[in-house]
Protein backbone atom coordinates (compact mmCIF):
# COMPACT_ATOMS: atom_id res chain seq x y z
CA MET A 1 -52.82 10.13 -15.35
CA GLN A 2 -48.75 9.53 -16.41
CA LYS A 3 -46.40 12.09 -17.68
CA ASN A 4 -45.44 11.38 -21.16
CA ARG A 5 -41.51 10.41 -20.94
CA GLN A 6 -41.09 9.80 -24.41
CA PRO A 7 -40.07 12.96 -26.01
CA GLU A 8 -37.45 13.62 -23.05
CA ALA A 9 -36.42 10.41 -23.11
CA VAL A 10 -35.52 10.34 -26.70
CA ALA A 11 -33.89 13.80 -26.17
CA LEU A 12 -31.75 12.48 -23.33
CA ALA A 13 -30.87 9.47 -25.66
CA ALA A 14 -29.75 11.37 -28.36
CA PHE A 15 -27.55 13.70 -26.06
CA LEU A 16 -25.78 10.64 -24.06
CA ASP A 17 -24.91 8.94 -27.54
CA ARG A 18 -23.43 12.58 -28.82
CA HIS A 19 -21.40 12.63 -25.67
CA THR A 20 -20.61 9.34 -24.70
CA HIS A 21 -18.52 8.33 -28.06
CA VAL A 22 -16.44 11.01 -28.13
CA TRP A 23 -14.83 11.05 -24.58
CA GLU A 24 -13.75 14.49 -24.88
CA CYS A 25 -15.69 15.84 -21.85
CA LEU A 26 -17.14 14.44 -18.25
CA VAL A 27 -20.92 13.85 -18.66
CA GLN A 28 -23.08 14.07 -15.48
CA VAL A 29 -26.46 12.73 -14.67
CA ALA A 30 -28.27 13.00 -11.43
CA ALA A 31 -31.58 10.80 -11.75
CA HIS A 32 -33.63 8.63 -10.09
CA ALA A 33 -32.71 5.38 -11.59
CA GLU A 34 -32.27 1.49 -11.38
CA VAL A 35 -28.76 0.08 -12.12
CA THR A 36 -27.56 -3.43 -13.19
CA TYR A 37 -24.46 -5.03 -13.35
CA HIS A 38 -23.01 -8.05 -15.00
CA GLY A 39 -19.23 -9.27 -15.49
CA ARG A 40 -17.22 -10.59 -12.92
CA ALA A 41 -20.03 -10.55 -10.55
CA ALA A 42 -23.48 -9.44 -10.48
CA SER A 43 -25.53 -6.63 -8.89
CA THR A 44 -28.92 -4.80 -8.97
CA ALA A 45 -29.64 -1.38 -7.46
CA GLU A 46 -33.82 -1.11 -6.73
CA ALA A 47 -34.74 2.73 -8.05
CA GLY A 48 -33.22 5.59 -6.00
CA SER A 49 -31.33 8.63 -6.56
CA TYR A 50 -27.68 8.26 -8.20
CA LEU A 51 -24.89 10.30 -9.72
CA LEU A 52 -23.80 8.81 -13.11
CA LEU A 53 -20.16 10.28 -14.23
CA ILE A 54 -18.41 9.21 -17.52
CA LYS A 55 -15.34 10.57 -17.70
CA CYS A 56 -13.02 11.75 -20.38
CA ASP A 57 -11.13 8.35 -20.97
CA GLY A 58 -14.31 6.65 -20.88
CA SER A 59 -14.63 5.36 -17.81
CA LEU A 60 -18.18 4.92 -15.92
CA GLN A 61 -19.19 5.42 -12.35
CA VAL A 62 -22.29 5.31 -10.42
CA ASN A 63 -22.57 6.84 -7.21
CA HIS A 64 -24.92 7.06 -4.20
CA PRO A 65 -25.73 10.25 -2.73
CA ARG A 66 -23.71 9.31 0.16
CA GLY A 67 -20.18 7.93 0.45
CA ILE A 68 -16.68 8.06 -1.54
CA LYS A 69 -16.95 5.13 -3.68
CA PRO A 70 -18.66 4.37 -6.25
CA MET A 71 -21.42 1.51 -6.10
CA ASN A 72 -20.47 0.45 -9.81
CA TRP A 73 -17.56 1.27 -12.38
CA GLN A 74 -16.36 0.45 -15.27
CA LEU A 75 -12.72 1.59 -16.48
CA LYS A 76 -12.56 2.45 -20.11
CA THR A 77 -15.70 1.45 -21.42
CA ASP A 78 -15.50 -0.13 -24.86
CA ARG A 79 -19.03 0.76 -25.90
CA SER A 80 -21.71 2.83 -24.05
CA VAL A 81 -25.57 3.23 -26.23
CA ALA A 82 -28.69 4.85 -25.16
CA THR A 83 -31.60 3.71 -25.88
CA VAL A 84 -35.20 4.45 -24.96
CA GLU A 85 -37.05 1.45 -23.77
CA ASP A 86 -41.01 1.45 -22.31
CA GLY A 87 -40.75 5.44 -22.57
CA TYR A 88 -37.43 6.05 -20.15
CA CYS A 89 -33.91 6.70 -21.47
CA VAL A 90 -31.47 3.44 -20.88
CA LEU A 91 -27.87 3.78 -20.99
CA THR A 92 -25.77 0.56 -21.64
CA ALA A 93 -22.14 0.58 -21.02
CA SER A 94 -19.93 -2.32 -22.03
CA ARG A 95 -16.41 -3.92 -21.96
CA ARG A 96 -15.17 -6.81 -23.66
CA ARG A 97 -12.15 -7.54 -21.66
CA PRO A 98 -13.09 -8.47 -19.01
CA ALA A 99 -16.85 -9.25 -20.22
CA GLU A 100 -19.09 -6.51 -18.05
CA THR A 101 -22.17 -4.54 -18.63
CA VAL A 102 -23.71 -1.79 -16.95
CA ARG A 103 -27.37 -0.56 -17.84
CA VAL A 104 -28.62 2.34 -15.98
CA VAL A 105 -32.45 2.90 -16.43
CA LEU A 106 -33.08 6.85 -15.82
CA LEU A 107 -36.16 7.07 -14.40
CA ASP A 108 -36.17 10.83 -13.76
CA VAL A 109 -33.71 12.80 -14.51
CA SER A 110 -33.00 16.14 -12.77
CA LEU A 111 -29.80 17.28 -14.28
CA ALA A 112 -27.72 16.03 -17.52
CA GLN A 113 -24.84 18.13 -18.37
CA VAL A 114 -21.67 17.95 -20.17
CA LEU A 115 -18.30 19.63 -18.56
CA GLU A 116 -15.71 20.31 -20.68
CA LEU A 117 -12.36 20.13 -18.85
CA ARG A 118 -8.73 21.61 -19.69
CA GLU A 119 -6.00 19.91 -20.25
CA GLU A 120 -4.37 17.56 -17.39
CA ALA A 121 -2.42 19.34 -14.77
CA GLY A 122 0.71 17.84 -13.15
CA PHE A 123 0.01 15.79 -10.18
CA VAL A 124 2.82 14.33 -7.75
CA MET A 125 2.03 12.07 -4.69
CA ALA A 126 4.44 11.82 -1.90
CA GLY A 127 3.81 9.37 0.40
CA SER A 128 0.79 6.52 0.19
CA GLU A 129 -2.01 5.45 2.63
CA ALA A 130 0.05 2.35 3.10
CA ARG A 131 3.19 4.17 4.47
CA LEU A 132 1.15 6.19 6.49
CA GLN A 133 -0.39 2.86 8.00
CA ALA A 134 2.64 1.09 8.43
CA THR A 135 4.44 4.20 10.24
CA LEU A 136 1.30 4.91 12.46
CA ALA A 137 1.33 1.05 13.38
CA CYS A 138 4.60 1.13 14.22
CA GLN A 139 4.60 4.79 16.05
CA PRO A 140 0.65 4.78 17.58
CA ALA A 141 2.12 7.39 20.28
CA LEU A 142 2.25 9.98 17.14
CA ILE A 143 -1.61 9.71 17.48
CA GLU A 144 -2.02 9.94 21.28
CA PRO A 145 0.63 8.85 23.81
CA GLY A 146 -0.08 5.60 25.23
CA LEU A 147 -2.35 4.33 22.19
CA ARG A 148 -1.83 0.53 21.60
CA VAL A 149 -2.64 -1.02 17.94
CA LEU A 150 -4.73 -3.98 18.46
CA ASP A 151 -5.36 -5.20 15.07
CA ARG A 152 -4.74 -3.71 11.67
CA GLU A 153 -7.08 -3.71 8.28
CA LEU A 154 -10.31 -4.48 10.70
CA LEU A 155 -13.79 -5.08 8.77
CA SER A 156 -16.48 -3.41 10.30
CA GLY A 157 -20.34 -2.51 9.91
CA THR A 158 -19.68 0.78 9.41
CA GLY A 159 -16.29 0.44 7.10
CA ASP A 160 -13.05 -0.74 7.26
CA MET A 161 -10.75 0.58 9.80
CA ASP A 162 -7.01 0.72 9.04
CA LEU A 163 -5.69 0.56 12.78
C-alpha cells in the first residue's frame, strides 16, 4: 500500500513558497529527489539523495552527498515556485537572463528547515589559488626538495590536478 504523500507535499510546497519568495533566510532541504536543468546546457539527475540550498540572495544549489561542488546551481533566481504534482512537491527555480530552469521533484524529504542568518561579517582574502599555484610551479622545492612540475591543470578521472 503506497503512502499518501499529498498532505505532506502540500505542506512542503506552502513552506517553500513562503520562504523562497522572501530571500531573507537560508532554506535547506535534504531529500531523495530527481533534478533536471535546462538552460545553457541540459542535465538530469536520477533519483538520489541531495541537499538543496536556497540562499538569502536567491541563489540555489543542489549538492551530492559527496564533493565540494554543487551538481546544479543558479545564481540569483528570478522566480521560485513550489507546486504539487502526482502527490510530490516540485520546486521550480528559474532565471530570465540567461534563460535557465532547475526543477527538483522532492520524492522523500528527510529535512526541510529555514535558518535566519545574521548580518554578513567582514571578509578579507589574502592571496589567491592562482597566485599559490604560480608560486609553487616556479618553486616546487617548497613542497619537497627535488620535486619537478611535469604539467599544470591536468585533468584526471578523479578530479583536476593544479600541478
